[in-house]
């Protein structure tokens, strides 16, 4: 069974800005993707103990308030169960 592949597309303006940037740091804009595209890849990486996952352990992520609430409730249920 083939795993889904995550693809990032840049608009022509984004590509041009990256090339024209005069600083040594590349322009890094946040990328928004559906959780369903990322979650299977992350789950597989954690399950197979990929070392690069540790590199991003402190990486900030943005969650919707609804998802955050569900996750916190799930965490509480796991602790009491």
C-alpha atoms as a PDB file:
ATOM      1  CA  UNK A   1       0.000   0.000   0.000  1.00  0.00           C
ATOM      2  CA  UNK A   2       1.470   3.337  -1.034  1.00  0.00           C
ATOM      3  CA  UNK A   3       1.911   6.037   1.598  1.00  0.00           C
ATOM      4  CA  UNK A   4       0.542   9.509   0.824  1.00  0.00           C
ATOM      5  CA  UNK A   5       3.166  12.022  -0.152  1.00  0.00           C
ATOM      6  CA  UNK A   6       3.194  15.539   1.204  1.00  0.00           C
ATOM      7  CA  UNK A   7       3.804  18.133  -1.475  1.00  0.00           C
ATOM      8  CA  UNK A   8       4.463  21.817  -0.952  1.00  0.00           C
ATOM      9  CA  UNK A   9       3.645  24.170  -3.784  1.00  0.00           C
ATOM     10  CA  UNK A  10       4.967  27.692  -3.978  1.00  0.00           C
ATOM     11  CA  UNK A  11       3.382  30.431  -6.006  1.00  0.00           C
ATOM     12  CA  UNK A  12       5.637  32.215  -8.502  1.00  0.00           C
ATOM     13  CA  UNK A  13       5.814  35.207  -6.148  1.00  0.00           C
ATOM     14  CA  UNK A  14       7.064  33.021  -3.271  1.00  0.00           C
ATOM     15  CA  UNK A  15       9.781  31.471  -5.436  1.00  0.00           C
ATOM     16  CA  UNK A  16      10.941  34.857  -6.699  1.00  0.00           C
ATOM     17  CA  UNK A  17      11.077  36.279  -3.142  1.00  0.00           C
ATOM     18  CA  UNK A  18      13.233  33.364  -2.004  1.00  0.00           C
ATOM     19  CA  UNK A  19      15.704  33.934  -4.806  1.00  0.00           C
ATOM     20  CA  UNK A  20      15.784  37.690  -4.369  1.00  0.00           C
ATOM     21  CA  UNK A  21      16.220  37.643  -0.598  1.00  0.00           C
ATOM     22  CA  UNK A  22      19.446  39.411   0.277  1.00  0.00           C
ATOM     23  CA  UNK A  23      19.796  37.960   3.767  1.00  0.00           C
ATOM     24  CA  UNK A  24      21.575  34.724   4.524  1.00  0.00           C
ATOM     25  CA  UNK A  25      18.357  33.371   6.054  1.00  0.00           C
ATOM     26  CA  UNK A  26      15.794  32.065   3.547  1.00  0.00           C
ATOM     27  CA  UNK A  27      12.241  33.379   3.800  1.00  0.00           C
ATOM     28  CA  UNK A  28      10.228  30.811   5.747  1.00  0.00           C
ATOM     29  CA  UNK A  29       6.488  31.315   5.748  1.00  0.00           C
ATOM     30  CA  UNK A  30       4.219  28.959   7.678  1.00  0.00           C
ATOM     31  CA  UNK A  31       2.627  26.243   5.572  1.00  0.00           C
ATOM     32  CA  UNK A  32      -0.916  25.116   6.307  1.00  0.00           C
ATOM     33  CA  UNK A  33      -1.864  21.545   5.430  1.00  0.00           C
ATOM     34  CA  UNK A  34      -4.690  19.265   6.527  1.00  0.00           C
ATOM     35  CA  UNK A  35      -3.843  17.148   9.557  1.00  0.00           C
ATOM     36  CA  UNK A  36      -4.864  14.058   7.580  1.00  0.00           C
ATOM     37  CA  UNK A  37      -1.915  14.581   5.228  1.00  0.00           C
ATOM     38  CA  UNK A  38       0.684  14.935   7.972  1.00  0.00           C
ATOM     39  CA  UNK A  39      -0.566  12.601  10.688  1.00  0.00           C
ATOM     40  CA  UNK A  40       0.090   9.263   8.926  1.00  0.00           C
ATOM     41  CA  UNK A  41       3.639  10.348   8.125  1.00  0.00           C
ATOM     42  CA  UNK A  42       4.327  11.507  11.675  1.00  0.00           C
ATOM     43  CA  UNK A  43       2.752   8.380  13.177  1.00  0.00           C
ATOM     44  CA  UNK A  44       4.937   6.182  10.980  1.00  0.00           C
ATOM     45  CA  UNK A  45       8.056   8.190  11.838  1.00  0.00           C
ATOM     46  CA  UNK A  46       7.362   7.909  15.573  1.00  0.00           C
ATOM     47  CA  UNK A  47       6.491   4.211  15.356  1.00  0.00           C
ATOM     48  CA  UNK A  48       9.657   3.419  13.396  1.00  0.00           C
ATOM     49  CA  UNK A  49      11.721   5.617  15.747  1.00  0.00           C
ATOM     50  CA  UNK A  50      13.128   7.956  13.115  1.00  0.00           C
ATOM     51  CA  UNK A  51      15.817  10.131  14.654  1.00  0.00           C
ATOM     52  CA  UNK A  52      14.730  13.295  12.852  1.00  0.00           C
ATOM     53  CA  UNK A  53      11.508  13.328  14.902  1.00  0.00           C
ATOM     54  CA  UNK A  54      13.595  14.263  17.951  1.00  0.00           C
ATOM     55  CA  UNK A  55      15.006  17.241  16.067  1.00  0.00           C
ATOM     56  CA  UNK A  56      11.516  18.717  15.863  1.00  0.00           C
ATOM     57  CA  UNK A  57      10.302  17.797  19.359  1.00  0.00           C
ATOM     58  CA  UNK A  58      10.375  21.443  20.464  1.00  0.00           C
ATOM     59  CA  UNK A  59       8.964  22.786  17.193  1.00  0.00           C
ATOM     60  CA  UNK A  60       5.887  24.950  17.831  1.00  0.00           C
ATOM     61  CA  UNK A  61       2.706  23.945  16.033  1.00  0.00           C
ATOM     62  CA  UNK A  62      -0.650  25.672  15.746  1.00  0.00           C
ATOM     63  CA  UNK A  63      -3.827  23.740  16.550  1.00  0.00           C
ATOM     64  CA  UNK A  64      -7.410  24.792  16.167  1.00  0.00           C
ATOM     65  CA  UNK A  65      -9.143  25.369  19.524  1.00  0.00           C
ATOM     66  CA  UNK A  66     -11.470  22.415  18.848  1.00  0.00           C
ATOM     67  CA  UNK A  67      -8.625  19.994  18.171  1.00  0.00           C
ATOM     68  CA  UNK A  68      -6.735  21.226  21.220  1.00  0.00           C
ATOM     69  CA  UNK A  69      -9.794  20.677  23.421  1.00  0.00           C
ATOM     70  CA  UNK A  70     -10.292  17.153  22.073  1.00  0.00           C
ATOM     71  CA  UNK A  71      -6.620  16.305  22.639  1.00  0.00           C
ATOM     72  CA  UNK A  72      -6.679  17.600  26.213  1.00  0.00           C
ATOM     73  CA  UNK A  73      -9.842  15.618  26.962  1.00  0.00           C
ATOM     74  CA  UNK A  74      -8.288  12.516  25.419  1.00  0.00           C
ATOM     75  CA  UNK A  75      -5.173  13.010  27.535  1.00  0.00           C
ATOM     76  CA  UNK A  76      -7.281  13.222  30.699  1.00  0.00           C
ATOM     77  CA  UNK A  77      -9.221  10.074  29.774  1.00  0.00           C
ATOM     78  CA  UNK A  78      -6.002   8.150  29.160  1.00  0.00           C
ATOM     79  CA  UNK A  79      -4.643   9.151  32.562  1.00  0.00           C
ATOM     80  CA  UNK A  80      -7.787   8.105  34.439  1.00  0.00           C
ATOM     81  CA  UNK A  81      -8.320   4.887  32.471  1.00  0.00           C
END
